[in-house]
Amino acid sequence: QVQLVESGGGLVQPGGSLRLSCVASGLTFSFSDTRWYRQAPGKEREFVARISGGGGITDYADLVKGRFTVSRDNAKNTMYLQMNSLKPEDTAVYYCNWSGKWGQGTQVTVSS
């Protein structure tokens, strides 16, 4: 059974940092790109970042470019999202996606 579990969210002040994790099980993690998405209250889910199966290719939404870094450790079946210089508009539930499969999400709240 494919399972994706996100963690690492929380409450942080503007300008702060968080690192999210997405742990996968029941699949061959390195076989596919993996993506981060987010959904803010009242808004549609939006793309945040992508990393190729081998980890050599990444791309980002313009809104997070230069502040967020996606990485993965295939030996641990885990993808990460390092988020720096957080802004209130980054507040959302963050989801990982692997080949169309979704995790349950982790809440990130940026507020003073």
N, C-alpha and C. Protein backbone atom coordinates (compact mmCIF):
# COMPACT_ATOMS: atom_id res chain seq x y z
N GLN A 1 0.85 -1.19 0.00
CA GLN A 1 0.00 0.00 0.00
C GLN A 1 0.88 1.24 0.00
N VAL A 2 0.63 2.13 -0.98
CA VAL A 2 1.40 3.35 -1.08
C VAL A 2 0.97 4.32 0.03
N GLN A 3 1.96 4.89 0.70
CA GLN A 3 1.67 5.86 1.75
C GLN A 3 2.72 6.95 1.72
N LEU A 4 2.25 8.19 1.83
CA LEU A 4 3.11 9.36 1.93
C LEU A 4 2.73 10.09 3.21
N VAL A 5 3.72 10.39 4.03
CA VAL A 5 3.45 11.05 5.31
C VAL A 5 4.33 12.29 5.43
N GLU A 6 3.68 13.44 5.47
CA GLU A 6 4.38 14.71 5.64
C GLU A 6 4.51 15.05 7.13
N SER A 7 5.57 15.77 7.46
CA SER A 7 5.76 16.26 8.83
C SER A 7 6.66 17.48 8.79
N GLY A 8 6.77 18.14 9.93
CA GLY A 8 7.67 19.28 10.05
C GLY A 8 7.00 20.63 10.04
N GLY A 9 5.70 20.66 9.82
CA GLY A 9 5.00 21.94 9.83
C GLY A 9 4.89 22.51 11.23
N GLY A 10 4.40 23.72 11.30
CA GLY A 10 4.23 24.36 12.59
C GLY A 10 4.01 25.84 12.44
N LEU A 11 4.11 26.54 13.58
CA LEU A 11 3.95 27.99 13.61
C LEU A 11 5.34 28.62 13.66
N VAL A 12 5.58 29.57 12.78
CA VAL A 12 6.87 30.24 12.71
C VAL A 12 6.64 31.72 12.44
N GLN A 13 7.55 32.55 12.93
CA GLN A 13 7.43 33.99 12.69
C GLN A 13 7.92 34.34 11.30
N PRO A 14 7.43 35.44 10.75
CA PRO A 14 7.94 35.89 9.44
C PRO A 14 9.46 36.01 9.47
N GLY A 15 10.09 35.55 8.40
CA GLY A 15 11.54 35.52 8.32
C GLY A 15 12.16 34.25 8.84
N GLY A 16 11.37 33.41 9.47
CA GLY A 16 11.87 32.17 10.03
C GLY A 16 12.00 31.06 9.01
N SER A 17 12.37 29.88 9.50
CA SER A 17 12.61 28.72 8.65
C SER A 17 11.92 27.49 9.20
N LEU A 18 11.58 26.60 8.30
CA LEU A 18 11.08 25.27 8.64
C LEU A 18 11.61 24.28 7.62
N ARG A 19 11.72 23.03 8.03
CA ARG A 19 12.05 21.97 7.09
C ARG A 19 10.96 20.91 7.14
N LEU A 20 10.32 20.71 6.02
CA LEU A 20 9.29 19.69 5.90
C LEU A 20 9.91 18.39 5.39
N SER A 21 9.30 17.29 5.80
CA SER A 21 9.71 15.97 5.31
C SER A 21 8.51 15.23 4.76
N CYS A 22 8.77 14.39 3.79
CA CYS A 22 7.74 13.50 3.22
C CYS A 22 8.35 12.12 3.15
N VAL A 23 7.84 11.21 3.95
CA VAL A 23 8.35 9.84 3.98
C VAL A 23 7.40 8.94 3.21
N ALA A 24 7.95 8.18 2.28
CA ALA A 24 7.15 7.32 1.42
C ALA A 24 7.35 5.85 1.79
N SER A 25 6.30 5.08 1.60
CA SER A 25 6.39 3.64 1.79
C SER A 25 5.49 2.96 0.78
N GLY A 26 5.80 1.69 0.50
CA GLY A 26 4.97 0.92 -0.42
C GLY A 26 5.20 1.24 -1.87
N LEU A 27 6.32 1.88 -2.19
CA LEU A 27 6.62 2.23 -3.57
C LEU A 27 8.13 2.30 -3.76
N THR A 28 8.54 2.32 -5.03
CA THR A 28 9.95 2.51 -5.34
C THR A 28 10.16 4.00 -5.54
N PHE A 29 10.61 4.64 -4.49
CA PHE A 29 10.60 6.10 -4.40
C PHE A 29 11.36 6.77 -5.54
N SER A 30 12.47 6.18 -5.94
CA SER A 30 13.33 6.84 -6.92
C SER A 30 12.79 6.75 -8.34
N PHE A 31 11.70 6.02 -8.56
CA PHE A 31 11.18 5.81 -9.91
C PHE A 31 10.48 7.03 -10.50
N SER A 32 10.17 8.00 -9.66
CA SER A 32 9.35 9.10 -10.16
C SER A 32 9.77 10.42 -9.55
N ASP A 33 9.49 11.49 -10.32
CA ASP A 33 9.57 12.83 -9.74
C ASP A 33 8.69 12.88 -8.50
N THR A 34 9.04 13.77 -7.61
CA THR A 34 8.21 14.00 -6.43
C THR A 34 8.02 15.50 -6.29
N ARG A 35 6.85 15.89 -5.87
CA ARG A 35 6.49 17.31 -5.85
C ARG A 35 5.94 17.73 -4.50
N TRP A 36 6.11 19.00 -4.21
CA TRP A 36 5.44 19.66 -3.09
C TRP A 36 4.37 20.59 -3.67
N TYR A 37 3.22 20.57 -3.05
CA TYR A 37 2.14 21.50 -3.34
C TYR A 37 1.70 22.14 -2.02
N ARG A 38 0.93 23.18 -2.14
CA ARG A 38 0.35 23.78 -0.94
C ARG A 38 -1.04 24.31 -1.25
N GLN A 39 -1.83 24.40 -0.20
CA GLN A 39 -3.19 24.93 -0.35
C GLN A 39 -3.49 25.83 0.84
N ALA A 40 -3.73 27.08 0.53
CA ALA A 40 -4.10 28.06 1.54
C ALA A 40 -5.62 28.08 1.67
N PRO A 41 -6.13 28.54 2.81
CA PRO A 41 -7.59 28.58 3.00
C PRO A 41 -8.27 29.37 1.88
N GLY A 42 -9.29 28.78 1.30
CA GLY A 42 -10.06 29.45 0.27
C GLY A 42 -9.39 29.52 -1.09
N LYS A 43 -8.25 28.87 -1.23
CA LYS A 43 -7.52 28.91 -2.50
C LYS A 43 -7.34 27.50 -3.05
N GLU A 44 -7.02 27.45 -4.34
CA GLU A 44 -6.74 26.16 -4.95
C GLU A 44 -5.34 25.67 -4.56
N ARG A 45 -5.18 24.35 -4.65
CA ARG A 45 -3.87 23.78 -4.40
C ARG A 45 -2.91 24.24 -5.51
N GLU A 46 -1.70 24.64 -5.11
CA GLU A 46 -0.75 25.15 -6.09
C GLU A 46 0.59 24.44 -5.97
N PHE A 47 1.27 24.38 -7.09
CA PHE A 47 2.58 23.76 -7.17
C PHE A 47 3.61 24.61 -6.42
N VAL A 48 4.51 23.93 -5.71
CA VAL A 48 5.58 24.62 -4.99
C VAL A 48 6.94 24.26 -5.55
N ALA A 49 7.23 22.94 -5.63
CA ALA A 49 8.56 22.52 -6.06
C ALA A 49 8.50 21.09 -6.57
N ARG A 50 9.50 20.76 -7.40
CA ARG A 50 9.60 19.42 -7.95
C ARG A 50 11.05 18.98 -7.92
N ILE A 51 11.24 17.69 -7.70
CA ILE A 51 12.58 17.12 -7.78
C ILE A 51 12.49 15.82 -8.56
N SER A 52 13.45 15.60 -9.45
CA SER A 52 13.45 14.39 -10.26
C SER A 52 13.75 13.16 -9.41
N GLY A 53 13.50 12.00 -9.98
CA GLY A 53 13.68 10.76 -9.23
C GLY A 53 15.08 10.58 -8.67
N GLY A 54 16.07 10.97 -9.47
CA GLY A 54 17.46 10.86 -9.03
C GLY A 54 17.94 12.04 -8.22
N GLY A 55 17.14 13.09 -8.18
CA GLY A 55 17.49 14.27 -7.39
C GLY A 55 18.29 15.31 -8.12
N GLY A 56 18.62 15.07 -9.39
CA GLY A 56 19.49 15.99 -10.09
C GLY A 56 18.82 17.20 -10.71
N ILE A 57 17.51 17.15 -10.81
CA ILE A 57 16.76 18.24 -11.45
C ILE A 57 15.70 18.74 -10.48
N THR A 58 15.68 20.05 -10.32
CA THR A 58 14.67 20.67 -9.46
C THR A 58 14.07 21.86 -10.19
N ASP A 59 12.84 22.18 -9.83
CA ASP A 59 12.30 23.45 -10.26
C ASP A 59 11.27 23.91 -9.24
N TYR A 60 10.99 25.22 -9.29
CA TYR A 60 10.23 25.87 -8.23
C TYR A 60 9.21 26.84 -8.81
N ALA A 61 8.16 27.03 -8.06
CA ALA A 61 7.23 28.12 -8.37
C ALA A 61 7.95 29.45 -8.16
N ASP A 62 7.61 30.42 -8.96
CA ASP A 62 8.26 31.73 -8.86
C ASP A 62 8.13 32.32 -7.46
N LEU A 63 7.02 32.06 -6.80
CA LEU A 63 6.78 32.66 -5.49
C LEU A 63 7.75 32.18 -4.41
N VAL A 64 8.37 31.02 -4.62
CA VAL A 64 9.25 30.46 -3.59
C VAL A 64 10.70 30.37 -4.05
N LYS A 65 10.95 30.68 -5.29
CA LYS A 65 12.29 30.54 -5.84
C LYS A 65 13.27 31.42 -5.05
N GLY A 66 14.40 30.82 -4.69
CA GLY A 66 15.40 31.54 -3.92
C GLY A 66 15.21 31.45 -2.41
N ARG A 67 14.04 30.99 -1.99
CA ARG A 67 13.77 30.87 -0.54
C ARG A 67 13.61 29.41 -0.12
N PHE A 68 13.06 28.59 -1.00
CA PHE A 68 12.81 27.18 -0.68
C PHE A 68 13.79 26.30 -1.45
N THR A 69 14.16 25.18 -0.84
CA THR A 69 15.03 24.21 -1.48
C THR A 69 14.47 22.80 -1.28
N VAL A 70 14.25 22.11 -2.39
CA VAL A 70 13.75 20.74 -2.33
C VAL A 70 14.93 19.78 -2.49
N SER A 71 14.88 18.68 -1.76
CA SER A 71 15.91 17.66 -1.85
C SER A 71 15.29 16.31 -1.53
N ARG A 72 16.05 15.25 -1.75
CA ARG A 72 15.53 13.92 -1.45
C ARG A 72 16.67 13.00 -1.07
N ASP A 73 16.33 12.00 -0.28
CA ASP A 73 17.25 10.94 0.10
C ASP A 73 16.55 9.63 -0.24
N ASN A 74 16.88 9.07 -1.40
CA ASN A 74 16.17 7.87 -1.84
C ASN A 74 16.46 6.66 -0.94
N ALA A 75 17.60 6.66 -0.30
CA ALA A 75 17.91 5.56 0.61
C ALA A 75 16.95 5.56 1.80
N LYS A 76 16.41 6.73 2.12
CA LYS A 76 15.46 6.85 3.23
C LYS A 76 14.03 7.04 2.75
N ASN A 77 13.83 6.97 1.42
CA ASN A 77 12.49 7.17 0.86
C ASN A 77 11.88 8.49 1.37
N THR A 78 12.69 9.51 1.40
CA THR A 78 12.26 10.78 2.00
C THR A 78 12.59 11.96 1.09
N MET A 79 11.65 12.89 1.01
CA MET A 79 11.85 14.16 0.32
C MET A 79 11.73 15.26 1.36
N TYR A 80 12.48 16.32 1.14
CA TYR A 80 12.50 17.44 2.08
C TYR A 80 12.15 18.74 1.37
N LEU A 81 11.69 19.69 2.15
CA LEU A 81 11.51 21.05 1.66
C LEU A 81 12.05 22.00 2.73
N GLN A 82 13.20 22.59 2.46
CA GLN A 82 13.76 23.58 3.36
C GLN A 82 13.16 24.94 2.98
N MET A 83 12.51 25.56 3.93
CA MET A 83 11.82 26.82 3.68
C MET A 83 12.45 27.91 4.53
N ASN A 84 13.03 28.89 3.88
CA ASN A 84 13.68 30.01 4.57
C ASN A 84 12.96 31.31 4.23
N SER A 85 13.23 32.33 5.03
CA SER A 85 12.63 33.65 4.80
C SER A 85 11.13 33.55 4.61
N LEU A 86 10.50 32.83 5.49
CA LEU A 86 9.06 32.59 5.36
C LEU A 86 8.26 33.87 5.50
N LYS A 87 7.16 33.92 4.75
CA LYS A 87 6.27 35.07 4.73
C LYS A 87 4.87 34.62 5.15
N PRO A 88 4.06 35.54 5.63
CA PRO A 88 2.68 35.16 5.99
C PRO A 88 1.93 34.51 4.82
N GLU A 89 2.22 34.91 3.62
CA GLU A 89 1.54 34.33 2.46
C GLU A 89 1.99 32.90 2.15
N ASP A 90 2.99 32.40 2.87
CA ASP A 90 3.37 30.99 2.74
C ASP A 90 2.50 30.09 3.61
N THR A 91 1.64 30.68 4.42
CA THR A 91 0.75 29.91 5.27
C THR A 91 -0.17 29.04 4.41
N ALA A 92 -0.14 27.74 4.68
CA ALA A 92 -0.91 26.78 3.89
C ALA A 92 -0.70 25.38 4.46
N VAL A 93 -1.50 24.46 3.97
CA VAL A 93 -1.21 23.04 4.19
C VAL A 93 -0.33 22.59 3.04
N TYR A 94 0.78 21.96 3.38
CA TYR A 94 1.75 21.51 2.39
C TYR A 94 1.61 20.01 2.19
N TYR A 95 1.55 19.62 0.92
CA TYR A 95 1.35 18.23 0.55
C TYR A 95 2.50 17.73 -0.34
N CYS A 96 2.85 16.47 -0.19
CA CYS A 96 3.76 15.88 -1.16
C CYS A 96 2.95 14.99 -2.11
N ASN A 97 3.50 14.85 -3.30
CA ASN A 97 2.84 14.09 -4.35
C ASN A 97 3.88 13.24 -5.07
N TRP A 98 3.57 11.95 -5.18
CA TRP A 98 4.44 11.02 -5.91
C TRP A 98 3.57 10.26 -6.88
N SER A 99 3.79 10.48 -8.15
CA SER A 99 3.09 9.75 -9.20
C SER A 99 1.57 9.77 -8.97
N GLY A 100 1.06 10.93 -8.60
CA GLY A 100 -0.37 11.07 -8.42
C GLY A 100 -0.90 10.71 -7.05
N LYS A 101 -0.04 10.19 -6.20
CA LYS A 101 -0.45 9.85 -4.84
C LYS A 101 -0.17 11.05 -3.93
N TRP A 102 -1.08 11.28 -2.97
CA TRP A 102 -0.98 12.42 -2.07
C TRP A 102 -0.83 11.97 -0.63
N GLY A 103 -0.06 12.78 0.13
CA GLY A 103 -0.05 12.61 1.57
C GLY A 103 -1.21 13.36 2.19
N GLN A 104 -1.24 13.36 3.53
CA GLN A 104 -2.36 14.00 4.24
C GLN A 104 -2.10 15.48 4.48
N GLY A 105 -0.86 15.91 4.30
CA GLY A 105 -0.53 17.32 4.45
C GLY A 105 -0.01 17.67 5.83
N THR A 106 0.73 18.77 5.90
CA THR A 106 1.22 19.31 7.16
C THR A 106 1.01 20.82 7.14
N GLN A 107 0.49 21.35 8.23
CA GLN A 107 0.12 22.76 8.29
C GLN A 107 1.35 23.62 8.58
N VAL A 108 1.52 24.66 7.79
CA VAL A 108 2.54 25.68 8.02
C VAL A 108 1.83 27.00 8.23
N THR A 109 2.11 27.64 9.36
CA THR A 109 1.52 28.93 9.66
C THR A 109 2.64 29.93 9.95
N VAL A 110 2.65 31.01 9.18
CA VAL A 110 3.65 32.05 9.34
C VAL A 110 2.95 33.29 9.88
N SER A 111 3.25 33.61 11.13
CA SER A 111 2.54 34.71 11.78
C SER A 111 3.36 35.22 12.95
N SER A 112 3.25 36.51 13.20
CA SER A 112 3.90 37.10 14.37
C SER A 112 2.95 37.12 15.55
